Structure formats: C-alpha cells, structure tokens
Amino acid sequence: MAEIKYEIIETVGVLAENSKGWSKELNLVSWNGREPKYDIRDWAPNHEKMGKGLTLSTEELVKLRDVLNQLDI
C-alpha cells in the first residue's frame, strides 16, 4: 500500500474527544502535496494515526454550512 503524505496546514477546531485520547477535528489538510482541503476525521494524539474521514473543498464546506444553518437544532 502506498504511503499517504499529509500536512495539517491549519487546525480549525476540535469537534469531540474520546476516552482514548483521539479527537474528531476539522482541519485544513494538504494530502500528497496537493492543494489543501477541509477535512473532518478522527486523529490519534499528536496526529500520528488517523481514522477515515471526509474531505471537502471550500465550495462544499460553504454548502454544508448553508445546509446546517437551515436545520432547526
């Protein structure tokens, strides 16, 4: 399996933390040297391991924001 290279450009926010120290975060991440995208996923402490996640372009993140703002929560 090919190695995945990543660089967390900006930590936007931590959404949740679990008892094992992993945290669900929204970050701006560059994957394999490409242009950074917004990324929601679980990270181990010190970002040495990661879980599966969701990567969004700026346009997709804006649309998600708009959809969430319409929710009555």
N, C-alpha and C. Protein backbone atom coordinates (compact mmCIF):
# COMPACT_ATOMS: atom_id res chain seq x y z
N MET A 1 0.84 -1.17 0.00
CA MET A 1 0.00 0.00 0.00
C MET A 1 0.89 1.24 0.00
N ALA A 2 0.54 2.21 -0.83
CA ALA A 2 1.32 3.44 -0.93
C ALA A 2 1.18 4.28 0.34
N GLU A 3 2.28 4.94 0.70
CA GLU A 3 2.26 5.80 1.87
C GLU A 3 1.49 7.08 1.54
N ILE A 4 0.64 7.48 2.46
CA ILE A 4 -0.12 8.72 2.31
C ILE A 4 0.62 9.81 3.06
N LYS A 5 0.93 10.88 2.35
CA LYS A 5 1.61 12.01 2.98
C LYS A 5 0.59 13.10 3.23
N TYR A 6 0.69 13.74 4.38
CA TYR A 6 -0.24 14.80 4.71
C TYR A 6 0.45 15.87 5.54
N GLU A 7 -0.08 17.09 5.41
CA GLU A 7 0.39 18.20 6.22
C GLU A 7 -0.83 18.96 6.70
N ILE A 8 -0.99 19.06 8.01
CA ILE A 8 -2.09 19.84 8.56
C ILE A 8 -1.66 21.31 8.50
N ILE A 9 -2.31 22.06 7.63
CA ILE A 9 -1.99 23.46 7.42
C ILE A 9 -2.57 24.32 8.54
N GLU A 10 -3.81 23.98 8.94
CA GLU A 10 -4.49 24.75 9.99
C GLU A 10 -5.47 23.85 10.73
N THR A 11 -5.44 23.92 12.04
CA THR A 11 -6.46 23.24 12.85
C THR A 11 -7.58 24.25 13.06
N VAL A 12 -8.74 23.97 12.45
CA VAL A 12 -9.87 24.88 12.55
C VAL A 12 -10.57 24.70 13.88
N GLY A 13 -10.76 23.43 14.29
CA GLY A 13 -11.40 23.19 15.58
C GLY A 13 -11.52 21.72 15.91
N VAL A 14 -11.61 21.44 17.20
CA VAL A 14 -11.82 20.09 17.71
C VAL A 14 -13.32 19.94 17.97
N LEU A 15 -13.94 18.93 17.36
CA LEU A 15 -15.38 18.73 17.48
C LEU A 15 -15.73 17.83 18.65
N ALA A 16 -14.87 16.87 18.96
CA ALA A 16 -15.13 15.93 20.06
C ALA A 16 -13.84 15.21 20.42
N GLU A 17 -13.80 14.67 21.63
CA GLU A 17 -12.68 13.84 22.07
C GLU A 17 -13.24 12.60 22.74
N ASN A 18 -12.52 11.47 22.59
CA ASN A 18 -12.98 10.26 23.25
C ASN A 18 -12.05 9.88 24.40
N SER A 19 -12.42 8.84 25.13
CA SER A 19 -11.66 8.45 26.32
C SER A 19 -10.27 7.91 26.01
N LYS A 20 -10.01 7.52 24.76
CA LYS A 20 -8.69 7.01 24.38
C LYS A 20 -7.75 8.11 23.90
N GLY A 21 -8.22 9.37 23.93
CA GLY A 21 -7.38 10.49 23.54
C GLY A 21 -7.51 10.90 22.09
N TRP A 22 -8.28 10.15 21.29
CA TRP A 22 -8.50 10.52 19.90
C TRP A 22 -9.47 11.70 19.84
N SER A 23 -9.31 12.55 18.83
CA SER A 23 -10.21 13.68 18.69
C SER A 23 -10.72 13.78 17.25
N LYS A 24 -11.99 14.16 17.14
CA LYS A 24 -12.58 14.43 15.83
C LYS A 24 -12.34 15.90 15.56
N GLU A 25 -11.67 16.21 14.43
CA GLU A 25 -11.22 17.56 14.15
C GLU A 25 -11.63 18.02 12.76
N LEU A 26 -11.81 19.33 12.64
CA LEU A 26 -11.93 19.98 11.34
C LEU A 26 -10.60 20.69 11.11
N ASN A 27 -9.89 20.26 10.07
CA ASN A 27 -8.57 20.81 9.75
C ASN A 27 -8.51 21.17 8.27
N LEU A 28 -7.56 22.02 7.94
CA LEU A 28 -7.21 22.28 6.55
C LEU A 28 -5.96 21.45 6.29
N VAL A 29 -6.08 20.47 5.37
CA VAL A 29 -5.02 19.47 5.18
C VAL A 29 -4.60 19.40 3.71
N SER A 30 -3.30 19.32 3.48
CA SER A 30 -2.76 19.05 2.16
C SER A 30 -2.42 17.56 2.10
N TRP A 31 -3.06 16.86 1.18
CA TRP A 31 -2.83 15.42 1.01
C TRP A 31 -1.90 15.19 -0.18
N ASN A 32 -0.81 14.48 0.05
CA ASN A 32 0.15 14.13 -1.02
C ASN A 32 0.60 15.35 -1.81
N GLY A 33 0.82 16.47 -1.11
CA GLY A 33 1.36 17.67 -1.74
C GLY A 33 0.35 18.47 -2.56
N ARG A 34 -0.92 18.07 -2.54
CA ARG A 34 -1.93 18.79 -3.31
C ARG A 34 -2.44 20.01 -2.55
N GLU A 35 -3.28 20.79 -3.23
CA GLU A 35 -3.88 21.97 -2.61
C GLU A 35 -4.67 21.55 -1.37
N PRO A 36 -4.55 22.31 -0.28
CA PRO A 36 -5.25 21.94 0.95
C PRO A 36 -6.77 21.96 0.79
N LYS A 37 -7.41 21.02 1.50
CA LYS A 37 -8.86 20.94 1.56
C LYS A 37 -9.27 20.80 3.02
N TYR A 38 -10.52 21.11 3.29
CA TYR A 38 -11.05 20.95 4.65
C TYR A 38 -11.32 19.47 4.89
N ASP A 39 -11.04 19.04 6.08
CA ASP A 39 -11.04 17.61 6.38
C ASP A 39 -11.62 17.39 7.78
N ILE A 40 -12.58 16.47 7.87
CA ILE A 40 -13.16 16.07 9.16
C ILE A 40 -12.82 14.60 9.36
N ARG A 41 -12.10 14.30 10.45
CA ARG A 41 -11.75 12.91 10.74
C ARG A 41 -11.26 12.79 12.17
N ASP A 42 -11.17 11.55 12.64
CA ASP A 42 -10.60 11.26 13.96
C ASP A 42 -9.09 11.18 13.85
N TRP A 43 -8.42 11.75 14.85
CA TRP A 43 -6.96 11.74 14.92
C TRP A 43 -6.51 11.22 16.27
N ALA A 44 -5.46 10.42 16.25
CA ALA A 44 -4.82 9.98 17.49
C ALA A 44 -4.06 11.17 18.07
N PRO A 45 -3.69 11.08 19.35
CA PRO A 45 -2.88 12.16 19.93
C PRO A 45 -1.62 12.39 19.08
N ASN A 46 -1.24 13.64 18.95
CA ASN A 46 -0.07 14.06 18.17
C ASN A 46 -0.20 13.78 16.67
N HIS A 47 -1.41 13.44 16.22
CA HIS A 47 -1.70 13.21 14.79
C HIS A 47 -0.84 12.13 14.16
N GLU A 48 -0.41 11.12 14.95
CA GLU A 48 0.43 10.07 14.37
C GLU A 48 -0.40 9.01 13.64
N LYS A 49 -1.69 8.91 13.94
CA LYS A 49 -2.60 7.98 13.25
C LYS A 49 -3.90 8.71 12.99
N MET A 50 -4.65 8.21 11.99
CA MET A 50 -5.92 8.84 11.65
C MET A 50 -6.96 7.79 11.32
N GLY A 51 -8.21 8.17 11.49
CA GLY A 51 -9.32 7.33 11.08
C GLY A 51 -9.82 7.77 9.71
N LYS A 52 -10.85 7.10 9.23
CA LYS A 52 -11.46 7.50 7.97
C LYS A 52 -12.13 8.84 8.16
N GLY A 53 -12.18 9.61 7.09
CA GLY A 53 -12.74 10.93 7.21
C GLY A 53 -13.41 11.41 5.94
N LEU A 54 -13.75 12.67 5.97
CA LEU A 54 -14.45 13.34 4.88
C LEU A 54 -13.65 14.58 4.50
N THR A 55 -13.33 14.72 3.20
CA THR A 55 -12.57 15.87 2.72
C THR A 55 -13.48 16.72 1.84
N LEU A 56 -13.46 18.04 2.09
CA LEU A 56 -14.35 18.96 1.39
C LEU A 56 -13.57 20.13 0.80
N SER A 57 -13.97 20.53 -0.41
CA SER A 57 -13.43 21.76 -0.99
C SER A 57 -14.05 22.94 -0.24
N THR A 58 -13.53 24.13 -0.48
CA THR A 58 -14.10 25.32 0.14
C THR A 58 -15.57 25.48 -0.26
N GLU A 59 -15.88 25.25 -1.52
CA GLU A 59 -17.25 25.37 -2.01
C GLU A 59 -18.17 24.37 -1.32
N GLU A 60 -17.69 23.14 -1.14
CA GLU A 60 -18.50 22.12 -0.46
C GLU A 60 -18.70 22.48 1.01
N LEU A 61 -17.68 23.03 1.65
CA LEU A 61 -17.79 23.43 3.05
C LEU A 61 -18.81 24.56 3.21
N VAL A 62 -18.81 25.51 2.28
CA VAL A 62 -19.79 26.60 2.32
C VAL A 62 -21.20 26.04 2.16
N LYS A 63 -21.38 25.10 1.25
CA LYS A 63 -22.70 24.48 1.04
C LYS A 63 -23.12 23.72 2.29
N LEU A 64 -22.20 22.99 2.91
CA LEU A 64 -22.50 22.28 4.14
C LEU A 64 -22.94 23.25 5.23
N ARG A 65 -22.23 24.36 5.36
CA ARG A 65 -22.59 25.38 6.33
C ARG A 65 -24.02 25.87 6.09
N ASP A 66 -24.34 26.14 4.83
CA ASP A 66 -25.68 26.63 4.48
C ASP A 66 -26.75 25.60 4.84
N VAL A 67 -26.47 24.33 4.54
CA VAL A 67 -27.43 23.26 4.87
C VAL A 67 -27.60 23.15 6.38
N LEU A 68 -26.50 23.20 7.13
CA LEU A 68 -26.58 23.10 8.59
C LEU A 68 -27.32 24.29 9.19
N ASN A 69 -27.14 25.47 8.61
CA ASN A 69 -27.84 26.66 9.11
C ASN A 69 -29.35 26.57 8.93
N GLN A 70 -29.81 25.72 8.02
CA GLN A 70 -31.24 25.55 7.79
C GLN A 70 -31.88 24.58 8.78
N LEU A 71 -31.05 23.80 9.49
CA LEU A 71 -31.58 22.85 10.46
C LEU A 71 -32.12 23.57 11.69
N ASP A 72 -33.20 23.04 12.23
CA ASP A 72 -33.78 23.59 13.44
C ASP A 72 -33.29 22.77 14.62
N ILE A 73 -32.06 23.11 15.09
CA ILE A 73 -31.48 22.37 16.21
C ILE A 73 -31.13 23.31 17.35
